[in-house]
Amino acid sequence: MRVESGDLVLAVFNVGGVFYVMNDACTHGPGSLSEGYIEDDIVECNFHNGQFNIRTGEVVSPPCMIAQTVYPAIVEGGTVMIDVG
């Protein structure tokens, strides 16, 4: 899911009931990770097919070389809260 707040554009993922959040823009090009392909805990960018680990933000497959920023998320009363501070 893509979430926008101010200047932030984030991708929110639910992996096995746990929510993970990272920047939506791929670090390699204009791809949107929220529109990418997901398998287990890996998201593949829809632009150049680079892959990131959803849990850690680490690059799994090139052409991406720079890891994603991952933000802590918790669920309170059915609402996903994201710590971007």
PDB file of N, CA and C in Angstrom:
ATOM      1  N   MET A   1       0.844  -1.169   0.000  1.00  0.00           N
ATOM      2  CA  MET A   1       0.000   0.000   0.000  1.00  0.00           C
ATOM      3  C   MET A   1       0.898   1.245   0.000  1.00  0.00           C
ATOM      4  N   ARG A   2       0.522   2.226  -0.791  1.00  0.00           N
ATOM      5  CA  ARG A   2       1.250   3.496  -0.840  1.00  0.00           C
ATOM      6  C   ARG A   2       0.580   4.493   0.108  1.00  0.00           C
ATOM      7  N   VAL A   3       1.393   5.185   0.920  1.00  0.00           N
ATOM      8  CA  VAL A   3       0.894   6.170   1.875  1.00  0.00           C
ATOM      9  C   VAL A   3       1.700   7.454   1.690  1.00  0.00           C
ATOM     10  N   GLU A   4       0.997   8.571   1.607  1.00  0.00           N
ATOM     11  CA  GLU A   4       1.659   9.869   1.472  1.00  0.00           C
ATOM     12  C   GLU A   4       1.305  10.745   2.662  1.00  0.00           C
ATOM     13  N   SER A   5       2.334  11.412   3.192  1.00  0.00           N
ATOM     14  CA  SER A   5       2.144  12.340   4.290  1.00  0.00           C
ATOM     15  C   SER A   5       3.179  13.446   4.159  1.00  0.00           C
ATOM     16  N   GLY A   6       2.729  14.633   3.813  1.00  0.00           N
ATOM     17  CA  GLY A   6       3.665  15.725   3.572  1.00  0.00           C
ATOM     18  C   GLY A   6       4.578  15.377   2.419  1.00  0.00           C
ATOM     19  N   ASP A   7       5.884  15.460   2.660  1.00  0.00           N
ATOM     20  CA  ASP A   7       6.871  15.133   1.627  1.00  0.00           C
ATOM     21  C   ASP A   7       7.202  13.646   1.569  1.00  0.00           C
ATOM     22  N   LEU A   8       6.709  12.871   2.516  1.00  0.00           N
ATOM     23  CA  LEU A   8       7.013  11.442   2.556  1.00  0.00           C
ATOM     24  C   LEU A   8       6.057  10.642   1.679  1.00  0.00           C
ATOM     25  N   VAL A   9       6.626   9.728   0.906  1.00  0.00           N
ATOM     26  CA  VAL A   9       5.840   8.757   0.146  1.00  0.00           C
ATOM     27  C   VAL A   9       6.383   7.394   0.555  1.00  0.00           C
ATOM     28  N   LEU A  10       5.544   6.607   1.199  1.00  0.00           N
ATOM     29  CA  LEU A  10       5.970   5.352   1.801  1.00  0.00           C
ATOM     30  C   LEU A  10       5.236   4.164   1.214  1.00  0.00           C
ATOM     31  N   ALA A  11       5.872   3.001   1.291  1.00  0.00           N
ATOM     32  CA  ALA A  11       5.249   1.731   0.936  1.00  0.00           C
ATOM     33  C   ALA A  11       5.061   0.959   2.234  1.00  0.00           C
ATOM     34  N   VAL A  12       3.837   0.490   2.477  1.00  0.00           N
ATOM     35  CA  VAL A  12       3.518  -0.270   3.688  1.00  0.00           C
ATOM     36  C   VAL A  12       3.218  -1.702   3.268  1.00  0.00           C
ATOM     37  N   PHE A  13       3.899  -2.654   3.899  1.00  0.00           N
ATOM     38  CA  PHE A  13       3.750  -4.071   3.562  1.00  0.00           C
ATOM     39  C   PHE A  13       3.291  -4.853   4.784  1.00  0.00           C
ATOM     40  N   ASN A  14       2.459  -5.859   4.560  1.00  0.00           N
ATOM     41  CA  ASN A  14       2.030  -6.783   5.602  1.00  0.00           C
ATOM     42  C   ASN A  14       2.647  -8.134   5.260  1.00  0.00           C
ATOM     43  N   VAL A  15       3.635  -8.545   6.058  1.00  0.00           N
ATOM     44  CA  VAL A  15       4.313  -9.818   5.839  1.00  0.00           C
ATOM     45  C   VAL A  15       4.002 -10.724   7.022  1.00  0.00           C
ATOM     46  N   GLY A  16       3.148 -11.696   6.801  1.00  0.00           N
ATOM     47  CA  GLY A  16       2.793 -12.633   7.866  1.00  0.00           C
ATOM     48  C   GLY A  16       2.153 -11.986   9.057  1.00  0.00           C
ATOM     49  N   GLY A  17       1.381 -10.907   8.830  1.00  0.00           N
ATOM     50  CA  GLY A  17       0.697 -10.226   9.920  1.00  0.00           C
ATOM     51  C   GLY A  17       1.513  -9.144  10.596  1.00  0.00           C
ATOM     52  N   VAL A  18       2.752  -8.930  10.160  1.00  0.00           N
ATOM     53  CA  VAL A  18       3.608  -7.879  10.705  1.00  0.00           C
ATOM     54  C   VAL A  18       3.768  -6.796   9.640  1.00  0.00           C
ATOM     55  N   PHE A  19       3.625  -5.539  10.050  1.00  0.00           N
ATOM     56  CA  PHE A  19       3.709  -4.428   9.101  1.00  0.00           C
ATOM     57  C   PHE A  19       5.128  -3.871   9.042  1.00  0.00           C
ATOM     58  N   TYR A  20       5.568  -3.597   7.813  1.00  0.00           N
ATOM     59  CA  TYR A  20       6.877  -3.017   7.537  1.00  0.00           C
ATOM     60  C   TYR A  20       6.681  -1.824   6.617  1.00  0.00           C
ATOM     61  N   VAL A  21       7.514  -0.811   6.799  1.00  0.00           N
ATOM     62  CA  VAL A  21       7.376   0.429   6.033  1.00  0.00           C
ATOM     63  C   VAL A  21       8.739   0.846   5.507  1.00  0.00           C
ATOM     64  N   MET A  22       8.773   1.248   4.232  1.00  0.00           N
ATOM     65  CA  MET A  22       9.993   1.786   3.634  1.00  0.00           C
ATOM     66  C   MET A  22       9.618   2.878   2.658  1.00  0.00           C
ATOM     67  N   ASN A  23      10.617   3.627   2.207  1.00  0.00           N
ATOM     68  CA  ASN A  23      10.353   4.628   1.177  1.00  0.00           C
ATOM     69  C   ASN A  23       9.785   3.935  -0.048  1.00  0.00           C
ATOM     70  N   ASP A  24       8.820   4.562  -0.695  1.00  0.00           N
ATOM     71  CA  ASP A  24       8.174   3.960  -1.858  1.00  0.00           C
ATOM     72  C   ASP A  24       9.046   4.028  -3.100  1.00  0.00           C
ATOM     73  N   ALA A  25       9.830   5.074  -3.252  1.00  0.00           N
ATOM     74  CA  ALA A  25      10.651   5.245  -4.448  1.00  0.00           C
ATOM     75  C   ALA A  25      11.854   4.312  -4.400  1.00  0.00           C
ATOM     76  N   CYS A  26      12.044   3.562  -5.470  1.00  0.00           N
ATOM     77  CA  CYS A  26      13.206   2.688  -5.590  1.00  0.00           C
ATOM     78  C   CYS A  26      14.469   3.543  -5.544  1.00  0.00           C
ATOM     79  N   THR A  27      15.535   3.017  -4.956  1.00  0.00           N
ATOM     80  CA  THR A  27      16.785   3.756  -4.867  1.00  0.00           C
ATOM     81  C   THR A  27      17.558   3.745  -6.187  1.00  0.00           C
ATOM     82  N   HIS A  28      17.084   3.002  -7.178  1.00  0.00           N
ATOM     83  CA  HIS A  28      17.786   2.901  -8.461  1.00  0.00           C
ATOM     84  C   HIS A  28      17.153   3.747  -9.557  1.00  0.00           C
ATOM     85  N   GLY A  29      15.845   3.926  -9.523  1.00  0.00           N
ATOM     86  CA  GLY A  29      15.177   4.658 -10.601  1.00  0.00           C
ATOM     87  C   GLY A  29      13.787   5.070 -10.194  1.00  0.00           C
ATOM     88  N   PRO A  30      12.940   5.371 -11.159  1.00  0.00           N
ATOM     89  CA  PRO A  30      11.617   5.922 -10.848  1.00  0.00           C
ATOM     90  C   PRO A  30      10.554   4.889 -10.455  1.00  0.00           C
ATOM     91  N   GLY A  31      10.941   3.691 -10.104  1.00  0.00           N
ATOM     92  CA  GLY A  31       9.969   2.662  -9.740  1.00  0.00           C
ATOM     93  C   GLY A  31       9.296   2.928  -8.409  1.00  0.00           C
ATOM     94  N   SER A  32       8.078   2.403  -8.281  1.00  0.00           N
ATOM     95  CA  SER A  32       7.292   2.507  -7.053  1.00  0.00           C
ATOM     96  C   SER A  32       7.237   1.127  -6.405  1.00  0.00           C
ATOM     97  N   LEU A  33       7.802   0.991  -5.201  1.00  0.00           N
ATOM     98  CA  LEU A  33       7.825  -0.317  -4.553  1.00  0.00           C
ATOM     99  C   LEU A  33       6.438  -0.784  -4.132  1.00  0.00           C
ATOM    100  N   SER A  34       5.541   0.145  -3.844  1.00  0.00           N
ATOM    101  CA  SER A  34       4.175  -0.267  -3.483  1.00  0.00           C
ATOM    102  C   SER A  34       3.453  -0.889  -4.679  1.00  0.00           C
ATOM    103  N   GLU A  35       3.953  -0.654  -5.881  1.00  0.00           N
ATOM    104  CA  GLU A  35       3.391  -1.261  -7.091  1.00  0.00           C
ATOM    105  C   GLU A  35       4.229  -2.443  -7.569  1.00  0.00           C
ATOM    106  N   GLY A  36       5.222  -2.834  -6.760  1.00  0.00           N
ATOM    107  CA  GLY A  36       6.123  -3.923  -7.130  1.00  0.00           C
ATOM    108  C   GLY A  36       5.508  -5.286  -6.894  1.00  0.00           C
ATOM    109  N   TYR A  37       6.307  -6.297  -7.174  1.00  0.00           N
ATOM    110  CA  TYR A  37       5.898  -7.692  -7.021  1.00  0.00           C
ATOM    111  C   TYR A  37       6.461  -8.205  -5.713  1.00  0.00           C
ATOM    112  N   ILE A  38       5.613  -8.882  -4.928  1.00  0.00           N
ATOM    113  CA  ILE A  38       6.023  -9.344  -3.600  1.00  0.00           C
ATOM    114  C   ILE A  38       5.998 -10.862  -3.558  1.00  0.00           C
ATOM    115  N   GLU A  39       7.102 -11.425  -3.049  1.00  0.00           N
ATOM    116  CA  GLU A  39       7.169 -12.857  -2.788  1.00  0.00           C
ATOM    117  C   GLU A  39       7.855 -13.049  -1.448  1.00  0.00           C
ATOM    118  N   ASP A  40       7.152 -13.669  -0.530  1.00  0.00           N
ATOM    119  CA  ASP A  40       7.630 -13.829   0.848  1.00  0.00           C
ATOM    120  C   ASP A  40       7.959 -12.448   1.430  1.00  0.00           C
ATOM    121  N   ASP A  41       9.226 -12.179   1.788  1.00  0.00           N
ATOM    122  CA  ASP A  41       9.578 -10.872   2.350  1.00  0.00           C
ATOM    123  C   ASP A  41      10.475 -10.074   1.395  1.00  0.00           C
ATOM    124  N   ILE A  42      10.308 -10.315   0.087  1.00  0.00           N
ATOM    125  CA  ILE A  42      11.075  -9.620  -0.941  1.00  0.00           C
ATOM    126  C   ILE A  42      10.119  -8.839  -1.831  1.00  0.00           C
ATOM    127  N   VAL A  43      10.460  -7.563  -2.095  1.00  0.00           N
ATOM    128  CA  VAL A  43       9.687  -6.764  -3.046  1.00  0.00           C
ATOM    129  C   VAL A  43      10.585  -6.496  -4.245  1.00  0.00           C
ATOM    130  N   GLU A  44      10.015  -6.702  -5.432  1.00  0.00           N
ATOM    131  CA  GLU A  44      10.735  -6.454  -6.677  1.00  0.00           C
ATOM    132  C   GLU A  44      10.198  -5.186  -7.314  1.00  0.00           C
ATOM    133  N   CYS A  45      11.089  -4.244  -7.591  1.00  0.00           N
ATOM    134  CA  CYS A  45      10.707  -2.974  -8.199  1.00  0.00           C
ATOM    135  C   CYS A  45      10.053  -3.216  -9.560  1.00  0.00           C
ATOM    136  N   ASN A  46       9.022  -2.456  -9.831  1.00  0.00           N
ATOM    137  CA  ASN A  46       8.292  -2.612 -11.088  1.00  0.00           C
ATOM    138  C   ASN A  46       8.976  -1.930 -12.259  1.00  0.00           C
ATOM    139  N   PHE A  47      10.118  -1.289 -12.039  1.00  0.00           N
ATOM    140  CA  PHE A  47      10.785  -0.549 -13.108  1.00  0.00           C
ATOM    141  C   PHE A  47      11.973  -1.327 -13.692  1.00  0.00           C
ATOM    142  N   HIS A  48      12.986  -1.622 -12.845  1.00  0.00           N
ATOM    143  CA  HIS A  48      14.167  -2.345 -13.331  1.00  0.00           C
ATOM    144  C   HIS A  48      14.323  -3.717 -12.684  1.00  0.00           C
ATOM    145  N   ASN A  49      13.350  -4.154 -11.927  1.00  0.00           N
ATOM    146  CA  ASN A  49      13.332  -5.486 -11.312  1.00  0.00           C
ATOM    147  C   ASN A  49      14.373  -5.712 -10.221  1.00  0.00           C
ATOM    148  N   GLY A  50      14.933  -4.646  -9.665  1.00  0.00           N
ATOM    149  CA  GLY A  50      15.793  -4.800  -8.492  1.00  0.00           C
ATOM    150  C   GLY A  50      14.937  -5.258  -7.320  1.00  0.00           C
ATOM    151  N   GLN A  51      15.562  -5.893  -6.338  1.00  0.00           N
ATOM    152  CA  GLN A  51      14.800  -6.442  -5.213  1.00  0.00           C
ATOM    153  C   GLN A  51      15.352  -5.977  -3.871  1.00  0.00           C
ATOM    154  N   PHE A  52      14.433  -5.806  -2.921  1.00  0.00           N
ATOM    155  CA  PHE A  52      14.766  -5.402  -1.555  1.00  0.00           C
ATOM    156  C   PHE A  52      14.108  -6.344  -0.560  1.00  0.00           C
ATOM    157  N   ASN A  53      14.779  -6.556   0.568  1.00  0.00           N
ATOM    158  CA  ASN A  53      14.170  -7.282   1.670  1.00  0.00           C
ATOM    159  C   ASN A  53      13.231  -6.322   2.387  1.00  0.00           C
ATOM    160  N   ILE A  54      11.967  -6.677   2.484  1.00  0.00           N
ATOM    161  CA  ILE A  54      10.962  -5.808   3.101  1.00  0.00           C
ATOM    162  C   ILE A  54      11.256  -5.582   4.581  1.00  0.00           C
ATOM    163  N   ARG A  55      11.777  -6.579   5.267  1.00  0.00           N
ATOM    164  CA  ARG A  55      12.030  -6.478   6.705  1.00  0.00           C
ATOM    165  C   ARG A  55      13.209  -5.561   7.040  1.00  0.00           C
ATOM    166  N   THR A  56      14.249  -5.579   6.184  1.00  0.00           N
ATOM    167  CA  THR A  56      15.493  -4.870   6.513  1.00  0.00           C
ATOM    168  C   THR A  56      15.814  -3.705   5.581  1.00  0.00           C
ATOM    169  N   GLY A  57      15.241  -3.705   4.374  1.00  0.00           N
ATOM    170  CA  GLY A  57      15.554  -2.691   3.381  1.00  0.00           C
ATOM    171  C   GLY A  57      16.800  -2.995   2.573  1.00  0.00           C
ATOM    172  N   GLU A  58      17.490  -4.081   2.902  1.00  0.00           N
ATOM    173  CA  GLU A  58      18.723  -4.436   2.202  1.00  0.00           C
ATOM    174  C   GLU A  58      18.444  -4.846   0.761  1.00  0.00           C
ATOM    175  N   VAL A  59      19.398  -4.545  -0.120  1.00  0.00           N
ATOM    176  CA  VAL A  59      19.307  -4.944  -1.519  1.00  0.00           C
ATOM    177  C   VAL A  59      19.491  -6.456  -1.609  1.00  0.00           C
ATOM    178  N   VAL A  60      18.597  -7.102  -2.352  1.00  0.00           N
ATOM    179  CA  VAL A  60      18.662  -8.540  -2.556  1.00  0.00           C
ATOM    180  C   VAL A  60      19.172  -8.850  -3.962  1.00  0.00           C
ATOM    181  N   SER A  61      18.819  -7.984  -4.919  1.00  0.00           N
ATOM    182  CA  SER A  61      19.193  -8.231  -6.308  1.00  0.00           C
ATOM    183  C   SER A  61      19.395  -6.914  -7.043  1.00  0.00           C
ATOM    184  N   PRO A  62      20.484  -6.812  -7.829  1.00  0.00           N
ATOM    185  CA  PRO A  62      20.716  -5.609  -8.623  1.00  0.00           C
ATOM    186  C   PRO A  62      19.671  -5.472  -9.728  1.00  0.00           C
ATOM    187  N   PRO A  63      19.547  -4.310 -10.331  1.00  0.00           N
ATOM    188  CA  PRO A  63      20.559  -3.273 -10.431  1.00  0.00           C
ATOM    189  C   PRO A  63      20.603  -2.326  -9.242  1.00  0.00           C
ATOM    190  N   CYS A  64      19.733  -2.468  -8.275  1.00  0.00           N
ATOM    191  CA  CYS A  64      19.761  -1.606  -7.094  1.00  0.00           C
ATOM    192  C   CYS A  64      21.052  -1.868  -6.315  1.00  0.00           C
ATOM    193  N   MET A  65      21.648  -0.798  -5.808  1.00  0.00           N
ATOM    194  CA  MET A  65      22.883  -0.918  -5.032  1.00  0.00           C
ATOM    195  C   MET A  65      22.760  -0.266  -3.656  1.00  0.00           C
ATOM    196  N   ILE A  66      21.762   0.582  -3.469  1.00  0.00           N
ATOM    197  CA  ILE A  66      21.586   1.326  -2.224  1.00  0.00           C
ATOM    198  C   ILE A  66      20.375   0.781  -1.485  1.00  0.00           C
ATOM    199  N   ALA A  67      20.565   0.449  -0.217  1.00  0.00           N
ATOM    200  CA  ALA A  67      19.478  -0.090   0.597  1.00  0.00           C
ATOM    201  C   ALA A  67      18.367   0.940   0.782  1.00  0.00           C
ATOM    202  N   GLN A  68      17.192   0.457   1.099  1.00  0.00           N
ATOM    203  CA  GLN A  68      16.036   1.297   1.375  1.00  0.00           C
ATOM    204  C   GLN A  68      16.034   1.715   2.845  1.00  0.00           C
ATOM    205  N   THR A  69      15.459   2.869   3.129  1.00  0.00           N
ATOM    206  CA  THR A  69      15.218   3.284   4.508  1.00  0.00           C
ATOM    207  C   THR A  69      13.960   2.574   4.990  1.00  0.00           C
ATOM    208  N   VAL A  70      14.055   1.911   6.147  1.00  0.00           N
ATOM    209  CA  VAL A  70      12.932   1.194   6.740  1.00  0.00           C
ATOM    210  C   VAL A  70      12.527   1.923   8.016  1.00  0.00           C
ATOM    211  N   TYR A  71      11.234   2.102   8.210  1.00  0.00           N
ATOM    212  CA  TYR A  71      10.705   2.819   9.372  1.00  0.00           C
ATOM    213  C   TYR A  71       9.982   1.852  10.296  1.00  0.00           C
ATOM    214  N   PRO A  72      10.136   2.017  11.623  1.00  0.00           N
ATOM    215  CA  PRO A  72       9.400   1.171  12.563  1.00  0.00           C
ATOM    216  C   PRO A  72       7.894   1.424  12.463  1.00  0.00           C
ATOM    217  N   ALA A  73       7.135   0.349  12.586  1.00  0.00           N
ATOM    218  CA  ALA A  73       5.675   0.448  12.548  1.00  0.00           C
ATOM    219  C   ALA A  73       5.083  -0.428  13.639  1.00  0.00           C
ATOM    220  N   ILE A  74       4.030   0.078  14.273  1.00  0.00           N
ATOM    221  CA  ILE A  74       3.277  -0.704  15.250  1.00  0.00           C
ATOM    222  C   ILE A  74       1.801  -0.536  14.937  1.00  0.00           C
ATOM    223  N   VAL A  75       1.001  -1.469  15.429  1.00  0.00           N
ATOM    224  CA  VAL A  75      -0.449  -1.400  15.241  1.00  0.00           C
ATOM    225  C   VAL A  75      -1.081  -1.069  16.582  1.00  0.00           C
ATOM    226  N   GLU A  76      -1.866   0.005  16.600  1.00  0.00           N
ATOM    227  CA  GLU A  76      -2.588   0.415  17.812  1.00  0.00           C
ATOM    228  C   GLU A  76      -4.054   0.577  17.465  1.00  0.00           C
ATOM    229  N   GLY A  77      -4.892  -0.228  18.067  1.00  0.00           N
ATOM    230  CA  GLY A  77      -6.333  -0.123  17.829  1.00  0.00           C
ATOM    231  C   GLY A  77      -6.713  -0.289  16.368  1.00  0.00           C
ATOM    232  N   GLY A  78      -6.001  -1.160  15.660  1.00  0.00           N
ATOM    233  CA  GLY A  78      -6.309  -1.400  14.262  1.00  0.00           C
ATOM    234  C   GLY A  78      -5.706  -0.403  13.296  1.00  0.00           C
ATOM    235  N   THR A  79      -4.938   0.577  13.797  1.00  0.00           N
ATOM    236  CA  THR A  79      -4.305   1.586  12.973  1.00  0.00           C
ATOM    237  C   THR A  79      -2.795   1.344  12.958  1.00  0.00           C
ATOM    238  N   VAL A  80      -2.199   1.391  11.766  1.00  0.00           N
ATOM    239  CA  VAL A  80      -0.747   1.232  11.645  1.00  0.00           C
ATOM    240  C   VAL A  80      -0.113   2.593  11.914  1.00  0.00           C
ATOM    241  N   MET A  81       0.746   2.650  12.902  1.00  0.00           N
ATOM    242  CA  MET A  81       1.456   3.874  13.275  1.00  0.00           C
ATOM    243  C   MET A  81       2.904   3.737  12.797  1.00  0.00           C
ATOM    244  N   ILE A  82       3.408   4.778  12.116  1.00  0.00           N
ATOM    245  CA  ILE A  82       4.743   4.737  11.543  1.00  0.00           C
ATOM    246  C   ILE A  82       5.602   5.800  12.218  1.00  0.00           C
ATOM    247  N   ASP A  83       6.788   5.387  12.691  1.00  0.00           N
ATOM    248  CA  ASP A  83       7.723   6.314  13.321  1.00  0.00           C
ATOM    249  C   ASP A  83       8.729   6.791  12.282  1.00  0.00           C
ATOM    250  N   VAL A  84       8.546   8.003  11.777  1.00  0.00           N
ATOM    251  CA  VAL A  84       9.443   8.541  10.760  1.00  0.00           C
ATOM    252  C   VAL A  84      10.436   9.541  11.359  1.00  0.00           C
ATOM    253  N   GLY A  85      10.403   9.682  12.668  1.00  0.00           N
ATOM    254  CA  GLY A  85      11.224  10.670  13.357  1.00  0.00           C
ATOM    255  C   GLY A  85      12.615  10.281  13.458  1.00  0.00           C
TER     256      GLY A  85
END
